[in-house]
Amino acid sequence: MSVEDRIRESFARQTMMATLGARLERVAPGRVVITAPVLETSLQQHGTAHAALTFAIGDSAAGYAALSVMDPDVEVVTAEIKINLLAPARGPLLTAEGRVVRAGRRLVVVAATVSDPTGDVALLQGTMVPVSRPPR
């Protein structure tokens, strides 16, 4: 199975991404792009996208970027990740681009930017770790 197929299969199992209406747009070594619409159900009280939507797609894009450079017999989990919210996310579509900053054997440092049509709305940076692939 190719790296892209493996990531697409994993993404398809994420019910949170399905709930958010997110789509896996691009997969390349060390880079993944995920988009999500800003739905009526994902707004905060000011009428802009809730930070949880921004965080969720940024974390997933960064995690899948890490997975794209890991051995095929492992999965990935987030060890830690932080977010800087730069501007209100107004939509109608958010785009998260995750990328590998540095890949080691035990830790992969990642970053992601989340943007709307007006520009960047968030920057995430974190650490991903490989875990044994659970039996299906």
N, C-alpha and C. Protein backbone atom coordinates (compact mmCIF):
# COMPACT_ATOMS: atom_id res chain seq x y z
N MET A 1 0.84 -1.17 0.00
CA MET A 1 0.00 0.00 0.00
C MET A 1 0.89 1.24 0.00
N SER A 2 0.54 2.23 -0.80
CA SER A 2 1.33 3.46 -0.87
C SER A 2 1.10 4.30 0.39
N VAL A 3 2.00 5.24 0.63
CA VAL A 3 1.86 6.15 1.77
C VAL A 3 0.54 6.92 1.64
N GLU A 4 0.25 7.42 0.45
CA GLU A 4 -0.98 8.17 0.27
C GLU A 4 -2.21 7.31 0.54
N ASP A 5 -2.22 6.09 0.05
CA ASP A 5 -3.35 5.19 0.31
C ASP A 5 -3.52 4.93 1.80
N ARG A 6 -2.40 4.72 2.49
CA ARG A 6 -2.44 4.47 3.93
C ARG A 6 -3.03 5.66 4.69
N ILE A 7 -2.61 6.87 4.30
CA ILE A 7 -3.11 8.08 4.95
C ILE A 7 -4.59 8.29 4.62
N ARG A 8 -4.97 8.08 3.38
CA ARG A 8 -6.38 8.24 3.00
C ARG A 8 -7.27 7.23 3.74
N GLU A 9 -6.78 6.01 3.89
CA GLU A 9 -7.54 4.99 4.62
C GLU A 9 -7.71 5.38 6.09
N SER A 10 -6.64 5.89 6.69
CA SER A 10 -6.70 6.31 8.08
C SER A 10 -7.64 7.51 8.24
N PHE A 11 -7.53 8.47 7.34
CA PHE A 11 -8.39 9.66 7.40
C PHE A 11 -9.87 9.27 7.30
N ALA A 12 -10.17 8.30 6.46
CA ALA A 12 -11.56 7.86 6.28
C ALA A 12 -12.14 7.26 7.56
N ARG A 13 -11.29 6.79 8.47
CA ARG A 13 -11.76 6.21 9.74
C ARG A 13 -11.97 7.28 10.81
N GLN A 14 -11.59 8.52 10.55
CA GLN A 14 -11.72 9.58 11.55
C GLN A 14 -13.13 10.16 11.53
N THR A 15 -13.95 9.74 12.45
CA THR A 15 -15.33 10.23 12.49
C THR A 15 -15.39 11.72 12.82
N MET A 16 -14.42 12.24 13.56
CA MET A 16 -14.40 13.68 13.86
C MET A 16 -14.25 14.48 12.58
N MET A 17 -13.35 14.06 11.70
CA MET A 17 -13.17 14.78 10.44
C MET A 17 -14.44 14.72 9.60
N ALA A 18 -15.12 13.58 9.61
CA ALA A 18 -16.38 13.45 8.88
C ALA A 18 -17.43 14.39 9.47
N THR A 19 -17.51 14.45 10.79
CA THR A 19 -18.46 15.33 11.46
C THR A 19 -18.24 16.78 11.07
N LEU A 20 -16.98 17.16 10.92
CA LEU A 20 -16.63 18.55 10.57
C LEU A 20 -16.76 18.82 9.07
N GLY A 21 -16.98 17.79 8.27
CA GLY A 21 -17.05 17.97 6.82
C GLY A 21 -15.69 18.14 6.19
N ALA A 22 -14.63 17.72 6.89
CA ALA A 22 -13.26 17.90 6.41
C ALA A 22 -12.94 16.94 5.27
N ARG A 23 -12.04 17.40 4.41
CA ARG A 23 -11.59 16.58 3.27
C ARG A 23 -10.07 16.57 3.21
N LEU A 24 -9.54 15.42 2.89
CA LEU A 24 -8.10 15.27 2.68
C LEU A 24 -7.83 15.64 1.23
N GLU A 25 -7.14 16.77 1.03
CA GLU A 25 -6.96 17.31 -0.32
C GLU A 25 -5.67 16.84 -0.99
N ARG A 26 -4.56 16.89 -0.25
CA ARG A 26 -3.27 16.53 -0.84
C ARG A 26 -2.40 15.79 0.15
N VAL A 27 -1.65 14.84 -0.38
CA VAL A 27 -0.68 14.09 0.42
C VAL A 27 0.63 14.04 -0.37
N ALA A 28 1.70 14.47 0.26
CA ALA A 28 3.04 14.39 -0.32
C ALA A 28 3.99 14.08 0.82
N PRO A 29 5.19 13.58 0.53
CA PRO A 29 6.13 13.29 1.61
C PRO A 29 6.37 14.52 2.49
N GLY A 30 5.99 14.40 3.77
CA GLY A 30 6.20 15.49 4.72
C GLY A 30 5.20 16.62 4.63
N ARG A 31 4.16 16.49 3.81
CA ARG A 31 3.15 17.55 3.66
C ARG A 31 1.77 16.96 3.42
N VAL A 32 0.78 17.53 4.11
CA VAL A 32 -0.61 17.11 3.94
C VAL A 32 -1.49 18.35 4.02
N VAL A 33 -2.51 18.40 3.17
CA VAL A 33 -3.47 19.50 3.17
C VAL A 33 -4.87 18.94 3.44
N ILE A 34 -5.54 19.56 4.41
CA ILE A 34 -6.92 19.21 4.77
C ILE A 34 -7.75 20.49 4.71
N THR A 35 -8.96 20.39 4.15
CA THR A 35 -9.88 21.52 4.14
C THR A 35 -11.14 21.17 4.93
N ALA A 36 -11.81 22.21 5.42
CA ALA A 36 -13.08 22.01 6.12
C ALA A 36 -13.93 23.26 5.93
N PRO A 37 -15.21 23.05 5.65
CA PRO A 37 -16.10 24.21 5.55
C PRO A 37 -16.39 24.76 6.95
N VAL A 38 -16.67 26.05 7.01
CA VAL A 38 -17.10 26.64 8.27
C VAL A 38 -18.63 26.52 8.28
N LEU A 39 -19.11 25.48 8.94
CA LEU A 39 -20.53 25.17 9.00
C LEU A 39 -21.23 25.97 10.10
N GLU A 40 -22.53 26.09 10.02
CA GLU A 40 -23.31 26.73 11.08
C GLU A 40 -23.08 26.05 12.43
N THR A 41 -22.77 24.77 12.41
CA THR A 41 -22.57 24.01 13.65
C THR A 41 -21.16 24.14 14.21
N SER A 42 -20.27 24.88 13.53
CA SER A 42 -18.90 25.03 14.03
C SER A 42 -18.54 26.50 14.29
N LEU A 43 -19.55 27.32 14.56
CA LEU A 43 -19.32 28.73 14.85
C LEU A 43 -19.23 28.97 16.34
N GLN A 44 -18.50 30.02 16.71
CA GLN A 44 -18.53 30.46 18.10
C GLN A 44 -19.49 31.65 18.19
N GLN A 45 -19.61 32.24 19.35
CA GLN A 45 -20.65 33.23 19.61
C GLN A 45 -20.52 34.51 18.79
N HIS A 46 -19.36 34.78 18.19
CA HIS A 46 -19.17 36.00 17.38
C HIS A 46 -19.44 35.75 15.90
N GLY A 47 -19.80 34.50 15.56
CA GLY A 47 -20.14 34.20 14.17
C GLY A 47 -18.97 33.77 13.31
N THR A 48 -17.81 33.58 13.92
CA THR A 48 -16.65 33.08 13.17
C THR A 48 -16.40 31.63 13.57
N ALA A 49 -15.52 30.96 12.84
CA ALA A 49 -15.23 29.55 13.12
C ALA A 49 -14.68 29.39 14.53
N HIS A 50 -15.15 28.38 15.22
CA HIS A 50 -14.64 28.07 16.56
C HIS A 50 -13.19 27.62 16.44
N ALA A 51 -12.39 27.99 17.42
CA ALA A 51 -10.98 27.59 17.43
C ALA A 51 -10.81 26.08 17.43
N ALA A 52 -11.80 25.35 17.94
CA ALA A 52 -11.72 23.89 17.95
C ALA A 52 -11.67 23.33 16.53
N LEU A 53 -12.38 23.93 15.60
CA LEU A 53 -12.33 23.51 14.20
C LEU A 53 -10.93 23.76 13.64
N THR A 54 -10.42 24.95 13.89
CA THR A 54 -9.08 25.30 13.43
C THR A 54 -8.04 24.34 13.99
N PHE A 55 -8.13 24.07 15.29
CA PHE A 55 -7.19 23.16 15.94
C PHE A 55 -7.31 21.75 15.38
N ALA A 56 -8.53 21.26 15.23
CA ALA A 56 -8.73 19.88 14.79
C ALA A 56 -8.13 19.62 13.41
N ILE A 57 -8.38 20.51 12.47
CA ILE A 57 -7.83 20.25 11.13
C ILE A 57 -6.34 20.51 11.07
N GLY A 58 -5.84 21.46 11.87
CA GLY A 58 -4.40 21.70 11.92
C GLY A 58 -3.64 20.54 12.53
N ASP A 59 -4.18 20.00 13.63
CA ASP A 59 -3.57 18.85 14.29
C ASP A 59 -3.57 17.63 13.36
N SER A 60 -4.67 17.39 12.68
CA SER A 60 -4.74 16.23 11.77
C SER A 60 -3.79 16.40 10.59
N ALA A 61 -3.73 17.59 10.03
CA ALA A 61 -2.82 17.82 8.89
C ALA A 61 -1.37 17.61 9.32
N ALA A 62 -1.00 18.12 10.49
CA ALA A 62 0.35 17.95 11.00
C ALA A 62 0.64 16.48 11.30
N GLY A 63 -0.33 15.79 11.90
CA GLY A 63 -0.15 14.37 12.22
C GLY A 63 0.03 13.51 10.98
N TYR A 64 -0.78 13.77 9.97
CA TYR A 64 -0.64 12.98 8.74
C TYR A 64 0.64 13.34 7.98
N ALA A 65 1.10 14.58 8.09
CA ALA A 65 2.40 14.91 7.50
C ALA A 65 3.49 14.07 8.16
N ALA A 66 3.41 13.93 9.49
CA ALA A 66 4.37 13.09 10.21
C ALA A 66 4.26 11.64 9.77
N LEU A 67 3.02 11.14 9.68
CA LEU A 67 2.82 9.75 9.28
C LEU A 67 3.41 9.47 7.90
N SER A 68 3.40 10.46 7.05
CA SER A 68 3.91 10.27 5.68
C SER A 68 5.40 9.97 5.63
N VAL A 69 6.12 10.23 6.72
CA VAL A 69 7.56 9.95 6.73
C VAL A 69 7.93 8.84 7.72
N MET A 70 6.92 8.20 8.30
CA MET A 70 7.17 7.12 9.27
C MET A 70 7.12 5.76 8.60
N ASP A 71 7.66 4.77 9.29
CA ASP A 71 7.63 3.39 8.81
C ASP A 71 6.19 2.94 8.59
N PRO A 72 5.95 2.06 7.63
CA PRO A 72 4.58 1.64 7.33
C PRO A 72 3.93 0.78 8.40
N ASP A 73 4.69 0.29 9.38
CA ASP A 73 4.09 -0.57 10.41
C ASP A 73 3.68 0.19 11.67
N VAL A 74 3.66 1.53 11.61
CA VAL A 74 3.27 2.32 12.78
C VAL A 74 2.14 3.29 12.43
N GLU A 75 1.49 3.77 13.47
CA GLU A 75 0.53 4.88 13.39
C GLU A 75 1.17 6.05 14.12
N VAL A 76 0.46 7.15 14.20
CA VAL A 76 1.00 8.35 14.82
C VAL A 76 -0.01 8.90 15.82
N VAL A 77 0.51 9.47 16.91
CA VAL A 77 -0.31 10.21 17.86
C VAL A 77 0.40 11.51 18.20
N THR A 78 -0.39 12.47 18.61
CA THR A 78 0.15 13.77 19.02
C THR A 78 0.65 13.66 20.46
N ALA A 79 1.91 14.00 20.68
CA ALA A 79 2.45 14.06 22.03
C ALA A 79 2.16 15.43 22.65
N GLU A 80 2.32 16.46 21.86
CA GLU A 80 1.99 17.81 22.29
C GLU A 80 1.86 18.68 21.06
N ILE A 81 0.99 19.69 21.16
CA ILE A 81 0.84 20.64 20.06
C ILE A 81 0.27 21.93 20.63
N LYS A 82 0.76 23.03 20.11
CA LYS A 82 0.26 24.33 20.56
C LYS A 82 -0.28 25.07 19.36
N ILE A 83 -1.14 26.03 19.63
CA ILE A 83 -1.74 26.81 18.57
C ILE A 83 -1.63 28.29 18.91
N ASN A 84 -1.29 29.08 17.90
CA ASN A 84 -1.37 30.53 17.98
C ASN A 84 -2.49 30.94 17.05
N LEU A 85 -3.53 31.53 17.61
CA LEU A 85 -4.63 32.03 16.80
C LEU A 85 -4.27 33.44 16.36
N LEU A 86 -4.18 33.65 15.06
CA LEU A 86 -3.68 34.90 14.51
C LEU A 86 -4.79 35.87 14.12
N ALA A 87 -5.93 35.34 13.71
CA ALA A 87 -7.05 36.18 13.25
C ALA A 87 -8.32 35.35 13.30
N PRO A 88 -9.48 36.00 13.35
CA PRO A 88 -10.73 35.25 13.29
C PRO A 88 -10.83 34.48 11.97
N ALA A 89 -11.28 33.24 12.04
CA ALA A 89 -11.44 32.40 10.85
C ALA A 89 -12.86 32.61 10.34
N ARG A 90 -13.00 33.26 9.21
CA ARG A 90 -14.32 33.64 8.72
C ARG A 90 -14.88 32.69 7.67
N GLY A 91 -14.06 31.86 7.10
CA GLY A 91 -14.56 30.91 6.11
C GLY A 91 -14.74 31.56 4.75
N PRO A 92 -15.47 30.94 3.87
CA PRO A 92 -16.34 29.80 4.08
C PRO A 92 -15.60 28.46 4.16
N LEU A 93 -14.30 28.47 3.85
CA LEU A 93 -13.51 27.23 3.86
C LEU A 93 -12.20 27.50 4.57
N LEU A 94 -11.80 26.58 5.44
CA LEU A 94 -10.49 26.65 6.08
C LEU A 94 -9.59 25.61 5.44
N THR A 95 -8.33 25.97 5.28
CA THR A 95 -7.32 25.07 4.71
C THR A 95 -6.18 24.93 5.71
N ALA A 96 -5.88 23.68 6.08
CA ALA A 96 -4.76 23.39 6.97
C ALA A 96 -3.68 22.68 6.18
N GLU A 97 -2.49 23.24 6.22
CA GLU A 97 -1.34 22.58 5.57
C GLU A 97 -0.35 22.18 6.65
N GLY A 98 -0.21 20.87 6.84
CA GLY A 98 0.73 20.33 7.81
C GLY A 98 2.04 19.98 7.13
N ARG A 99 3.14 20.15 7.86
CA ARG A 99 4.45 19.84 7.30
C ARG A 99 5.39 19.35 8.40
N VAL A 100 6.31 18.53 7.97
CA VAL A 100 7.33 18.03 8.88
C VAL A 100 8.45 19.05 8.96
N VAL A 101 8.81 19.42 10.18
CA VAL A 101 9.95 20.32 10.40
C VAL A 101 11.22 19.50 10.53
N ARG A 102 11.14 18.43 11.32
CA ARG A 102 12.29 17.53 11.48
C ARG A 102 11.78 16.16 11.91
N ALA A 103 12.22 15.16 11.19
CA ALA A 103 11.81 13.79 11.49
C ALA A 103 12.97 13.03 12.12
N GLY A 104 12.75 12.53 13.33
CA GLY A 104 13.71 11.66 13.98
C GLY A 104 13.13 10.26 14.06
N ARG A 105 13.85 9.35 14.70
CA ARG A 105 13.35 7.98 14.82
C ARG A 105 12.22 7.86 15.83
N ARG A 106 12.25 8.67 16.88
CA ARG A 106 11.23 8.56 17.93
C ARG A 106 10.28 9.75 17.99
N LEU A 107 10.69 10.88 17.49
CA LEU A 107 9.87 12.09 17.52
C LEU A 107 9.89 12.76 16.16
N VAL A 108 8.76 13.33 15.78
CA VAL A 108 8.68 14.11 14.55
C VAL A 108 8.12 15.47 14.93
N VAL A 109 8.92 16.51 14.71
CA VAL A 109 8.47 17.87 14.97
C VAL A 109 7.72 18.35 13.74
N VAL A 110 6.52 18.90 13.97
CA VAL A 110 5.64 19.28 12.88
C VAL A 110 5.15 20.71 13.07
N ALA A 111 4.64 21.28 12.00
CA ALA A 111 3.98 22.58 12.05
C ALA A 111 2.81 22.54 11.09
N ALA A 112 1.86 23.42 11.31
CA ALA A 112 0.73 23.55 10.38
C ALA A 112 0.28 25.00 10.37
N THR A 113 -0.14 25.45 9.21
CA THR A 113 -0.81 26.74 9.11
C THR A 113 -2.24 26.48 8.70
N VAL A 114 -3.14 27.24 9.26
CA VAL A 114 -4.55 27.18 8.88
C VAL A 114 -4.91 28.55 8.33
N SER A 115 -5.56 28.54 7.18
CA SER A 115 -5.91 29.80 6.54
C SER A 115 -7.35 29.78 6.05
N ASP A 116 -7.89 30.99 5.87
CA ASP A 116 -9.16 31.16 5.19
C ASP A 116 -8.87 32.00 3.94
N PRO A 117 -9.85 32.38 3.15
CA PRO A 117 -9.55 33.13 1.92
C PRO A 117 -8.83 34.47 2.14
N THR A 118 -8.87 35.02 3.36
CA THR A 118 -8.20 36.29 3.61
C THR A 118 -6.75 36.13 4.06
N GLY A 119 -6.34 34.92 4.44
CA GLY A 119 -4.96 34.71 4.87
C GLY A 119 -4.87 33.73 6.03
N ASP A 120 -3.70 33.70 6.67
CA ASP A 120 -3.47 32.77 7.77
C ASP A 120 -4.28 33.18 9.00
N VAL A 121 -4.89 32.18 9.63
CA VAL A 121 -5.67 32.43 10.85
C VAL A 121 -5.07 31.72 12.06
N ALA A 122 -4.17 30.75 11.84
CA ALA A 122 -3.56 30.03 12.97
C ALA A 122 -2.26 29.38 12.54
N LEU A 123 -1.38 29.21 13.52
CA LEU A 123 -0.12 28.50 13.36
C LEU A 123 -0.04 27.49 14.48
N LEU A 124 0.24 26.24 14.13
CA LEU A 124 0.39 25.17 15.13
C LEU A 124 1.80 24.61 15.04
N GLN A 125 2.34 24.20 16.18
CA GLN A 125 3.62 23.50 16.20
C GLN A 125 3.55 22.43 17.28
N GLY A 126 4.08 21.25 16.95
CA GLY A 126 3.99 20.17 17.91
C GLY A 126 4.94 19.03 17.65
N THR A 127 4.71 17.96 18.40
CA THR A 127 5.53 16.76 18.31
C THR A 127 4.63 15.55 18.15
N MET A 128 4.93 14.73 17.18
CA MET A 128 4.20 13.50 16.93
C MET A 128 5.12 12.32 17.25
N VAL A 129 4.52 11.23 17.71
CA VAL A 129 5.28 10.04 18.03
C VAL A 129 4.66 8.82 17.35
N PRO A 130 5.51 7.89 16.91
CA PRO A 130 4.98 6.65 16.33
C PRO A 130 4.48 5.74 17.43
N VAL A 131 3.40 5.02 17.13
CA VAL A 131 2.87 3.99 18.04
C VAL A 131 2.60 2.74 17.22
N SER A 132 2.60 1.61 17.89
CA SER A 132 2.30 0.37 17.19
C SER A 132 0.91 0.44 16.57
N ARG A 133 0.81 -0.09 15.38
CA ARG A 133 -0.48 -0.09 14.68
C ARG A 133 -1.41 -1.07 15.39
N PRO A 134 -2.60 -0.59 15.81
CA PRO A 134 -3.52 -1.50 16.51
C PRO A 134 -4.10 -2.54 15.56
N PRO A 135 -4.41 -3.72 16.06
CA PRO A 135 -5.03 -4.74 15.20
C PRO A 135 -6.42 -4.28 14.78
N ARG A 136 -6.84 -4.70 13.60
CA ARG A 136 -8.18 -4.32 13.10
C ARG A 136 -9.10 -5.47 13.17
